[in-house]
PDB file of N, CA and C in Angstrom:
ATOM      1  N   MET A   1     -11.785 -14.162   6.587  1.00  0.00           N
ATOM      2  CA  MET A   1     -10.386 -14.325   6.303  1.00  0.00           C
ATOM      3  C   MET A   1      -9.921 -15.648   6.901  1.00  0.00           C
ATOM      4  N   ALA A   2      -9.200 -16.357   6.170  1.00  0.00           N
ATOM      5  CA  ALA A   2      -8.593 -17.614   6.688  1.00  0.00           C
ATOM      6  C   ALA A   2      -7.155 -17.443   6.886  1.00  0.00           C
ATOM      7  N   ASN A   3      -6.645 -17.945   7.957  1.00  0.00           N
ATOM      8  CA  ASN A   3      -5.216 -17.889   8.274  1.00  0.00           C
ATOM      9  C   ASN A   3      -4.609 -19.252   8.187  1.00  0.00           C
ATOM     10  N   LYS A   4      -3.329 -19.262   8.024  1.00  0.00           N
ATOM     11  CA  LYS A   4      -2.552 -20.486   7.977  1.00  0.00           C
ATOM     12  C   LYS A   4      -2.807 -21.225   6.639  1.00  0.00           C
ATOM     13  N   VAL A   5      -3.002 -20.460   5.572  1.00  0.00           N
ATOM     14  CA  VAL A   5      -3.169 -21.107   4.302  1.00  0.00           C
ATOM     15  C   VAL A   5      -1.912 -21.974   3.883  1.00  0.00           C
ATOM     16  N   ASP A   6      -0.775 -21.664   4.494  1.00  0.00           N
ATOM     17  CA  ASP A   6       0.451 -22.362   4.193  1.00  0.00           C
ATOM     18  C   ASP A   6       0.297 -23.870   4.549  1.00  0.00           C
ATOM     19  N   ILE A   7      -0.581 -24.198   5.406  1.00  0.00           N
ATOM     20  CA  ILE A   7      -0.813 -25.624   5.818  1.00  0.00           C
ATOM     21  C   ILE A   7      -1.230 -26.373   4.577  1.00  0.00           C
ATOM     22  N   MET A   8      -1.927 -25.736   3.674  1.00  0.00           N
ATOM     23  CA  MET A   8      -2.465 -26.377   2.501  1.00  0.00           C
ATOM     24  C   MET A   8      -1.393 -26.863   1.589  1.00  0.00           C
ATOM     25  N   PHE A   9      -0.197 -26.281   1.670  1.00  0.00           N
ATOM     26  CA  PHE A   9       0.889 -26.719   0.839  1.00  0.00           C
ATOM     27  C   PHE A   9       1.404 -28.105   1.212  1.00  0.00           C
ATOM     28  N   ASP A  10       1.386 -28.447   2.483  1.00  0.00           N
ATOM     29  CA  ASP A  10       1.911 -29.675   2.983  1.00  0.00           C
ATOM     30  C   ASP A  10       0.858 -30.722   3.418  1.00  0.00           C
ATOM     31  N   ALA A  11      -0.252 -30.231   3.920  1.00  0.00           N
ATOM     32  CA  ALA A  11      -1.192 -31.111   4.472  1.00  0.00           C
ATOM     33  C   ALA A  11      -2.646 -30.597   4.202  1.00  0.00           C
ATOM     34  N   PRO A  12      -3.108 -30.691   3.000  1.00  0.00           N
ATOM     35  CA  PRO A  12      -4.471 -30.160   2.672  1.00  0.00           C
ATOM     36  C   PRO A  12      -5.558 -30.820   3.430  1.00  0.00           C
ATOM     37  N   GLU A  13      -5.368 -32.035   3.917  1.00  0.00           N
ATOM     38  CA  GLU A  13      -6.399 -32.729   4.648  1.00  0.00           C
ATOM     39  C   GLU A  13      -6.638 -32.081   5.998  1.00  0.00           C
ATOM     40  N   LYS A  14      -5.782 -31.124   6.442  1.00  0.00           N
ATOM     41  CA  LYS A  14      -5.981 -30.450   7.743  1.00  0.00           C
ATOM     42  C   LYS A  14      -6.960 -29.264   7.682  1.00  0.00           C
ATOM     43  N   ARG A  15      -7.355 -28.924   6.442  1.00  0.00           N
ATOM     44  CA  ARG A  15      -8.305 -27.848   6.232  1.00  0.00           C
ATOM     45  C   ARG A  15      -9.602 -28.141   6.988  1.00  0.00           C
ATOM     46  N   GLN A  16     -10.034 -27.179   7.823  1.00  0.00           N
ATOM     47  CA  GLN A  16     -11.220 -27.338   8.601  1.00  0.00           C
ATOM     48  C   GLN A  16     -12.464 -26.648   7.980  1.00  0.00           C
ATOM     49  N   VAL A  17     -12.208 -25.595   7.217  1.00  0.00           N
ATOM     50  CA  VAL A  17     -13.305 -24.879   6.538  1.00  0.00           C
ATOM     51  C   VAL A  17     -12.850 -24.623   5.065  1.00  0.00           C
ATOM     52  N   TYR A  18     -13.729 -24.982   4.206  1.00  0.00           N
ATOM     53  CA  TYR A  18     -13.419 -24.784   2.770  1.00  0.00           C
ATOM     54  C   TYR A  18     -13.602 -23.360   2.422  1.00  0.00           C
ATOM     55  N   ARG A  19     -12.791 -22.858   1.497  1.00  0.00           N
ATOM     56  CA  ARG A  19     -12.819 -21.453   1.062  1.00  0.00           C
ATOM     57  C   ARG A  19     -14.244 -20.998   0.664  1.00  0.00           C
ATOM     58  N   GLU A  20     -14.923 -21.852  -0.103  1.00  0.00           N
ATOM     59  CA  GLU A  20     -16.181 -21.581  -0.584  1.00  0.00           C
ATOM     60  C   GLU A  20     -17.227 -21.345   0.537  1.00  0.00           C
ATOM     61  N   GLN A  21     -17.080 -22.183   1.627  1.00  0.00           N
ATOM     62  CA  GLN A  21     -17.944 -22.031   2.758  1.00  0.00           C
ATOM     63  C   GLN A  21     -17.690 -20.695   3.448  1.00  0.00           C
ATOM     64  N   ALA A  22     -16.517 -20.255   3.534  1.00  0.00           N
ATOM     65  CA  ALA A  22     -16.197 -19.024   4.231  1.00  0.00           C
ATOM     66  C   ALA A  22     -16.695 -17.830   3.319  1.00  0.00           C
ATOM     67  N   VAL A  23     -16.546 -17.918   2.041  1.00  0.00           N
ATOM     68  CA  VAL A  23     -17.030 -16.811   1.175  1.00  0.00           C
ATOM     69  C   VAL A  23     -18.545 -16.700   1.323  1.00  0.00           C
ATOM     70  N   LEU A  24     -19.258 -17.850   1.248  1.00  0.00           N
ATOM     71  CA  LEU A  24     -20.702 -17.846   1.405  1.00  0.00           C
ATOM     72  C   LEU A  24     -21.195 -17.326   2.806  1.00  0.00           C
ATOM     73  N   PHE A  25     -20.465 -17.712   3.828  1.00  0.00           N
ATOM     74  CA  PHE A  25     -20.793 -17.275   5.148  1.00  0.00           C
ATOM     75  C   PHE A  25     -20.632 -15.732   5.253  1.00  0.00           C
ATOM     76  N   CYS A  26     -19.543 -15.231   4.691  1.00  0.00           N
ATOM     77  CA  CYS A  26     -19.408 -13.751   4.711  1.00  0.00           C
ATOM     78  C   CYS A  26     -20.518 -13.053   3.935  1.00  0.00           C
ATOM     79  N   ARG A  27     -20.834 -13.595   2.770  1.00  0.00           N
ATOM     80  CA  ARG A  27     -21.886 -12.990   1.946  1.00  0.00           C
ATOM     81  C   ARG A  27     -23.226 -13.027   2.686  1.00  0.00           C
ATOM     82  N   ASP A  28     -23.509 -14.151   3.235  1.00  0.00           N
ATOM     83  CA  ASP A  28     -24.866 -14.325   3.945  1.00  0.00           C
ATOM     84  C   ASP A  28     -24.999 -13.438   5.169  1.00  0.00           C
ATOM     85  N   HIS A  29     -23.878 -13.093   5.814  1.00  0.00           N
ATOM     86  CA  HIS A  29     -23.929 -12.314   7.113  1.00  0.00           C
ATOM     87  C   HIS A  29     -23.455 -10.851   6.898  1.00  0.00           C
ATOM     88  N   GLY A  30     -23.270 -10.394   5.626  1.00  0.00           N
ATOM     89  CA  GLY A  30     -22.884  -9.043   5.376  1.00  0.00           C
ATOM     90  C   GLY A  30     -21.508  -8.709   5.897  1.00  0.00           C
ATOM     91  N   LEU A  31     -20.624  -9.719   5.846  1.00  0.00           N
ATOM     92  CA  LEU A  31     -19.238  -9.491   6.233  1.00  0.00           C
ATOM     93  C   LEU A  31     -18.322  -9.333   5.042  1.00  0.00           C
ATOM     94  N   VAL A  32     -17.178  -8.751   5.275  1.00  0.00           N
ATOM     95  CA  VAL A  32     -16.198  -8.530   4.170  1.00  0.00           C
ATOM     96  C   VAL A  32     -15.333  -9.755   4.101  1.00  0.00           C
ATOM     97  N   TRP A  33     -15.196 -10.284   2.885  1.00  0.00           N
ATOM     98  CA  TRP A  33     -14.305 -11.439   2.643  1.00  0.00           C
ATOM     99  C   TRP A  33     -12.985 -10.922   2.345  1.00  0.00           C
ATOM    100  N   ILE A  34     -12.011 -11.368   3.111  1.00  0.00           N
ATOM    101  CA  ILE A  34     -10.579 -11.061   2.827  1.00  0.00           C
ATOM    102  C   ILE A  34      -9.923 -12.406   2.538  1.00  0.00           C
ATOM    103  N   ASP A  35      -9.280 -12.536   1.460  1.00  0.00           N
ATOM    104  CA  ASP A  35      -8.768 -13.868   0.983  1.00  0.00           C
ATOM    105  C   ASP A  35      -7.887 -14.517   1.995  1.00  0.00           C
ATOM    106  N   GLU A  36      -7.667 -15.773   1.799  1.00  0.00           N
ATOM    107  CA  GLU A  36      -6.867 -16.548   2.673  1.00  0.00           C
ATOM    108  C   GLU A  36      -5.417 -15.975   2.797  1.00  0.00           C
ATOM    109  N   CYS A  37      -4.870 -16.106   3.965  1.00  0.00           N
ATOM    110  CA  CYS A  37      -3.481 -15.573   4.169  1.00  0.00           C
ATOM    111  C   CYS A  37      -2.631 -16.531   4.985  1.00  0.00           C
ATOM    112  N   SER A  38      -1.361 -16.148   5.037  1.00  0.00           N
ATOM    113  CA  SER A  38      -0.393 -16.912   5.827  1.00  0.00           C
ATOM    114  C   SER A  38       0.657 -15.917   6.345  1.00  0.00           C
ATOM    115  N   ALA A  39       0.709 -15.767   7.620  1.00  0.00           N
ATOM    116  CA  ALA A  39       1.771 -14.854   8.180  1.00  0.00           C
ATOM    117  C   ALA A  39       3.121 -15.551   7.972  1.00  0.00           C
ATOM    118  N   LEU A  40       3.175 -16.861   8.058  1.00  0.00           N
ATOM    119  CA  LEU A  40       4.435 -17.580   7.933  1.00  0.00           C
ATOM    120  C   LEU A  40       5.035 -17.358   6.539  1.00  0.00           C
ATOM    121  N   CYS A  41       4.175 -17.431   5.523  1.00  0.00           N
ATOM    122  CA  CYS A  41       4.690 -17.244   4.112  1.00  0.00           C
ATOM    123  C   CYS A  41       4.524 -15.880   3.578  1.00  0.00           C
ATOM    124  N   GLY A  42       3.885 -15.009   4.318  1.00  0.00           N
ATOM    125  CA  GLY A  42       3.706 -13.601   3.872  1.00  0.00           C
ATOM    126  C   GLY A  42       2.671 -13.483   2.761  1.00  0.00           C
ATOM    127  N   ILE A  43       1.673 -14.370   2.759  1.00  0.00           N
ATOM    128  CA  ILE A  43       0.650 -14.347   1.710  1.00  0.00           C
ATOM    129  C   ILE A  43      -0.510 -13.522   2.204  1.00  0.00           C
ATOM    130  N   ASN A  44      -0.835 -12.456   1.456  1.00  0.00           N
ATOM    131  CA  ASN A  44      -2.006 -11.603   1.681  1.00  0.00           C
ATOM    132  C   ASN A  44      -2.009 -10.849   3.029  1.00  0.00           C
ATOM    133  N   ILE A  45      -0.861 -10.694   3.620  1.00  0.00           N
ATOM    134  CA  ILE A  45      -0.840  -9.945   4.880  1.00  0.00           C
ATOM    135  C   ILE A  45      -1.046  -8.500   4.683  1.00  0.00           C
ATOM    136  N   ASP A  46      -0.338  -7.849   3.801  1.00  0.00           N
ATOM    137  CA  ASP A  46      -0.516  -6.439   3.514  1.00  0.00           C
ATOM    138  C   ASP A  46      -1.948  -6.171   3.073  1.00  0.00           C
ATOM    139  N   GLU A  47      -2.405  -7.005   2.137  1.00  0.00           N
ATOM    140  CA  GLU A  47      -3.759  -6.867   1.572  1.00  0.00           C
ATOM    141  C   GLU A  47      -4.813  -6.895   2.712  1.00  0.00           C
ATOM    142  N   THR A  48      -4.624  -7.787   3.672  1.00  0.00           N
ATOM    143  CA  THR A  48      -5.569  -7.893   4.776  1.00  0.00           C
ATOM    144  C   THR A  48      -5.596  -6.612   5.601  1.00  0.00           C
ATOM    145  N   PHE A  49      -4.483  -6.094   5.931  1.00  0.00           N
ATOM    146  CA  PHE A  49      -4.413  -4.820   6.784  1.00  0.00           C
ATOM    147  C   PHE A  49      -5.024  -3.661   5.983  1.00  0.00           C
ATOM    148  N   PHE A  50      -4.745  -3.559   4.706  1.00  0.00           N
ATOM    149  CA  PHE A  50      -5.255  -2.482   3.908  1.00  0.00           C
ATOM    150  C   PHE A  50      -6.737  -2.614   3.745  1.00  0.00           C
ATOM    151  N   ALA A  51      -7.245  -3.844   3.570  1.00  0.00           N
ATOM    152  CA  ALA A  51      -8.686  -4.021   3.418  1.00  0.00           C
ATOM    153  C   ALA A  51      -9.429  -3.688   4.686  1.00  0.00           C
ATOM    154  N   VAL A  52      -8.871  -4.023   5.872  1.00  0.00           N
ATOM    155  CA  VAL A  52      -9.527  -3.650   7.189  1.00  0.00           C
ATOM    156  C   VAL A  52      -9.528  -2.140   7.327  1.00  0.00           C
ATOM    157  N   ALA A  53      -8.362  -1.489   7.061  1.00  0.00           N
ATOM    158  CA  ALA A  53      -8.319  -0.049   7.142  1.00  0.00           C
ATOM    159  C   ALA A  53      -9.263   0.630   6.222  1.00  0.00           C
ATOM    160  N   GLU A  54      -9.339   0.172   5.001  1.00  0.00           N
ATOM    161  CA  GLU A  54     -10.293   0.774   4.042  1.00  0.00           C
ATOM    162  C   GLU A  54     -11.760   0.614   4.472  1.00  0.00           C
ATOM    163  N   LYS A  55     -12.070  -0.520   5.037  1.00  0.00           N
ATOM    164  CA  LYS A  55     -13.466  -0.811   5.507  1.00  0.00           C
ATOM    165  C   LYS A  55     -13.790   0.091   6.669  1.00  0.00           C
ATOM    166  N   ILE A  56     -12.806   0.315   7.636  1.00  0.00           N
ATOM    167  CA  ILE A  56     -13.047   1.269   8.771  1.00  0.00           C
ATOM    168  C   ILE A  56     -13.287   2.630   8.256  1.00  0.00           C
ATOM    169  N   HIS A  57     -12.375   3.058   7.313  1.00  0.00           N
ATOM    170  CA  HIS A  57     -12.576   4.422   6.738  1.00  0.00           C
ATOM    171  C   HIS A  57     -13.893   4.563   6.057  1.00  0.00           C
ATOM    172  N   ASP A  58     -14.246   3.616   5.182  1.00  0.00           N
ATOM    173  CA  ASP A  58     -15.510   3.744   4.467  1.00  0.00           C
ATOM    174  C   ASP A  58     -16.727   3.740   5.394  1.00  0.00           C
ATOM    175  N   THR A  59     -16.647   2.965   6.449  1.00  0.00           N
ATOM    176  CA  THR A  59     -17.763   2.958   7.459  1.00  0.00           C
ATOM    177  C   THR A  59     -17.861   4.265   8.167  1.00  0.00           C
ATOM    178  N   GLN A  60     -16.673   4.808   8.616  1.00  0.00           N
ATOM    179  CA  GLN A  60     -16.754   6.088   9.323  1.00  0.00           C
ATOM    180  C   GLN A  60     -17.275   7.205   8.367  1.00  0.00           C
ATOM    181  N   MET A  61     -16.852   7.222   7.106  1.00  0.00           N
ATOM    182  CA  MET A  61     -17.234   8.234   6.212  1.00  0.00           C
ATOM    183  C   MET A  61     -18.772   8.143   5.906  1.00  0.00           C
ATOM    184  N   GLU A  62     -19.258   6.895   5.857  1.00  0.00           N
ATOM    185  CA  GLU A  62     -20.709   6.740   5.686  1.00  0.00           C
ATOM    186  C   GLU A  62     -21.515   7.248   6.862  1.00  0.00           C
ATOM    187  N   LEU A  63     -20.977   7.040   8.055  1.00  0.00           N
ATOM    188  CA  LEU A  63     -21.608   7.577   9.205  1.00  0.00           C
ATOM    189  C   LEU A  63     -21.667   9.109   9.222  1.00  0.00           C
ATOM    190  N   VAL A  64     -20.575   9.677   8.777  1.00  0.00           N
ATOM    191  CA  VAL A  64     -20.482  11.139   8.666  1.00  0.00           C
ATOM    192  C   VAL A  64     -21.490  11.587   7.626  1.00  0.00           C
ATOM    193  N   ARG A  65     -21.513  10.937   6.452  1.00  0.00           N
ATOM    194  CA  ARG A  65     -22.426  11.273   5.360  1.00  0.00           C
ATOM    195  C   ARG A  65     -23.926  11.265   5.857  1.00  0.00           C
ATOM    196  N   ARG A  66     -24.216  10.273   6.652  1.00  0.00           N
ATOM    197  CA  ARG A  66     -25.630  10.155   7.146  1.00  0.00           C
ATOM    198  C   ARG A  66     -25.930  11.101   8.280  1.00  0.00           C
ATOM    199  N   GLY A  67     -24.899  11.766   8.793  1.00  0.00           N
ATOM    200  CA  GLY A  67     -25.137  12.668   9.905  1.00  0.00           C
ATOM    201  C   GLY A  67     -25.133  11.987  11.286  1.00  0.00           C
ATOM    202  N   LYS A  68     -24.687  10.797  11.339  1.00  0.00           N
ATOM    203  CA  LYS A  68     -24.751  10.069  12.627  1.00  0.00           C
ATOM    204  C   LYS A  68     -23.355  10.216  13.343  1.00  0.00           C
ATOM    205  N   LEU A  69     -22.395  10.844  12.739  1.00  0.00           N
ATOM    206  CA  LEU A  69     -21.150  11.079  13.377  1.00  0.00           C
ATOM    207  C   LEU A  69     -20.571  12.334  12.831  1.00  0.00           C
ATOM    208  N   PRO A  70     -20.158  13.251  13.691  1.00  0.00           N
ATOM    209  CA  PRO A  70     -19.579  14.496  13.189  1.00  0.00           C
ATOM    210  C   PRO A  70     -18.134  14.254  12.741  1.00  0.00           C
ATOM    211  N   MET A  71     -17.741  14.971  11.632  1.00  0.00           N
ATOM    212  CA  MET A  71     -16.450  14.785  11.106  1.00  0.00           C
ATOM    213  C   MET A  71     -15.387  15.031  12.169  1.00  0.00           C
ATOM    214  N   ALA A  72     -15.649  15.981  13.022  1.00  0.00           N
ATOM    215  CA  ALA A  72     -14.718  16.352  14.105  1.00  0.00           C
ATOM    216  C   ALA A  72     -14.477  15.158  15.051  1.00  0.00           C
ATOM    217  N   ALA A  73     -15.375  14.139  15.095  1.00  0.00           N
ATOM    218  CA  ALA A  73     -15.178  13.079  15.978  1.00  0.00           C
ATOM    219  C   ALA A  73     -14.162  12.051  15.494  1.00  0.00           C
ATOM    220  N   LEU A  74     -13.809  12.154  14.232  1.00  0.00           N
ATOM    221  CA  LEU A  74     -12.867  11.273  13.668  1.00  0.00           C
ATOM    222  C   LEU A  74     -11.407  11.741  14.049  1.00  0.00           C
ATOM    223  N   LYS A  75     -10.588  10.849  14.362  1.00  0.00           N
ATOM    224  CA  LYS A  75      -9.224  11.166  14.873  1.00  0.00           C
ATOM    225  C   LYS A  75      -8.304  11.121  13.658  1.00  0.00           C
ATOM    226  N   LEU A  76      -8.321  12.174  12.869  1.00  0.00           N
ATOM    227  CA  LEU A  76      -7.523  12.264  11.654  1.00  0.00           C
ATOM    228  C   LEU A  76      -6.196  12.932  12.064  1.00  0.00           C
ATOM    229  N   ARG A  77      -5.125  12.442  11.520  1.00  0.00           N
ATOM    230  CA  ARG A  77      -3.820  12.962  11.808  1.00  0.00           C
ATOM    231  C   ARG A  77      -3.124  13.376  10.481  1.00  0.00           C
ATOM    232  N   GLU A  78      -2.499  14.497  10.487  1.00  0.00           N
ATOM    233  CA  GLU A  78      -1.804  14.927   9.278  1.00  0.00           C
ATOM    234  C   GLU A  78      -0.402  14.353   9.279  1.00  0.00           C
ATOM    235  N   ALA A  79       0.144  14.024  10.416  1.00  0.00           N
ATOM    236  CA  ALA A  79       1.480  13.469  10.487  1.00  0.00           C
ATOM    237  C   ALA A  79       1.460  12.055  10.923  1.00  0.00           C
ATOM    238  N   ASP A  80       2.506  11.320  10.472  1.00  0.00           N
ATOM    239  CA  ASP A  80       2.580   9.906  10.866  1.00  0.00           C
ATOM    240  C   ASP A  80       3.072   9.870  12.291  1.00  0.00           C
ATOM    241  N   THR A  81       2.258   9.311  13.146  1.00  0.00           N
ATOM    242  CA  THR A  81       2.597   9.259  14.576  1.00  0.00           C
ATOM    243  C   THR A  81       2.841   7.788  14.994  1.00  0.00           C
ATOM    244  N   SER A  82       2.876   6.864  14.034  1.00  0.00           N
ATOM    245  CA  SER A  82       3.040   5.486  14.305  1.00  0.00           C
ATOM    246  C   SER A  82       4.520   5.172  14.737  1.00  0.00           C
ATOM    247  N   ARG A  83       4.667   4.160  15.469  1.00  0.00           N
ATOM    248  CA  ARG A  83       5.991   3.704  15.861  1.00  0.00           C
ATOM    249  C   ARG A  83       6.590   2.822  14.776  1.00  0.00           C
ATOM    250  N   HIS A  84       7.795   3.027  14.511  1.00  0.00           N
ATOM    251  CA  HIS A  84       8.484   2.231  13.427  1.00  0.00           C
ATOM    252  C   HIS A  84       9.484   1.328  14.134  1.00  0.00           C
ATOM    253  N   TYR A  85       9.329   0.025  13.941  1.00  0.00           N
ATOM    254  CA  TYR A  85      10.239  -0.916  14.601  1.00  0.00           C
ATOM    255  C   TYR A  85      11.223  -1.442  13.573  1.00  0.00           C
TER     256      TYR A  85
END
């Protein structure tokens, strides 16, 4: 994931890592690529959090499927216990 993509709008010469390099790095190291984002501009913020949550869920369920983690070990909640600000 790349942050501060909003810099590219005003000063593309400040880019330190090209998108293609990051995608290839993730692929070569078995990492999940989450597209570039900007908290300042609100670009891909929700998508980033959803992708991370989905990956965590998928990984946990795969461990359960393989028998390496009991389903009871997962902290599943039926009610929303998050704080809303």
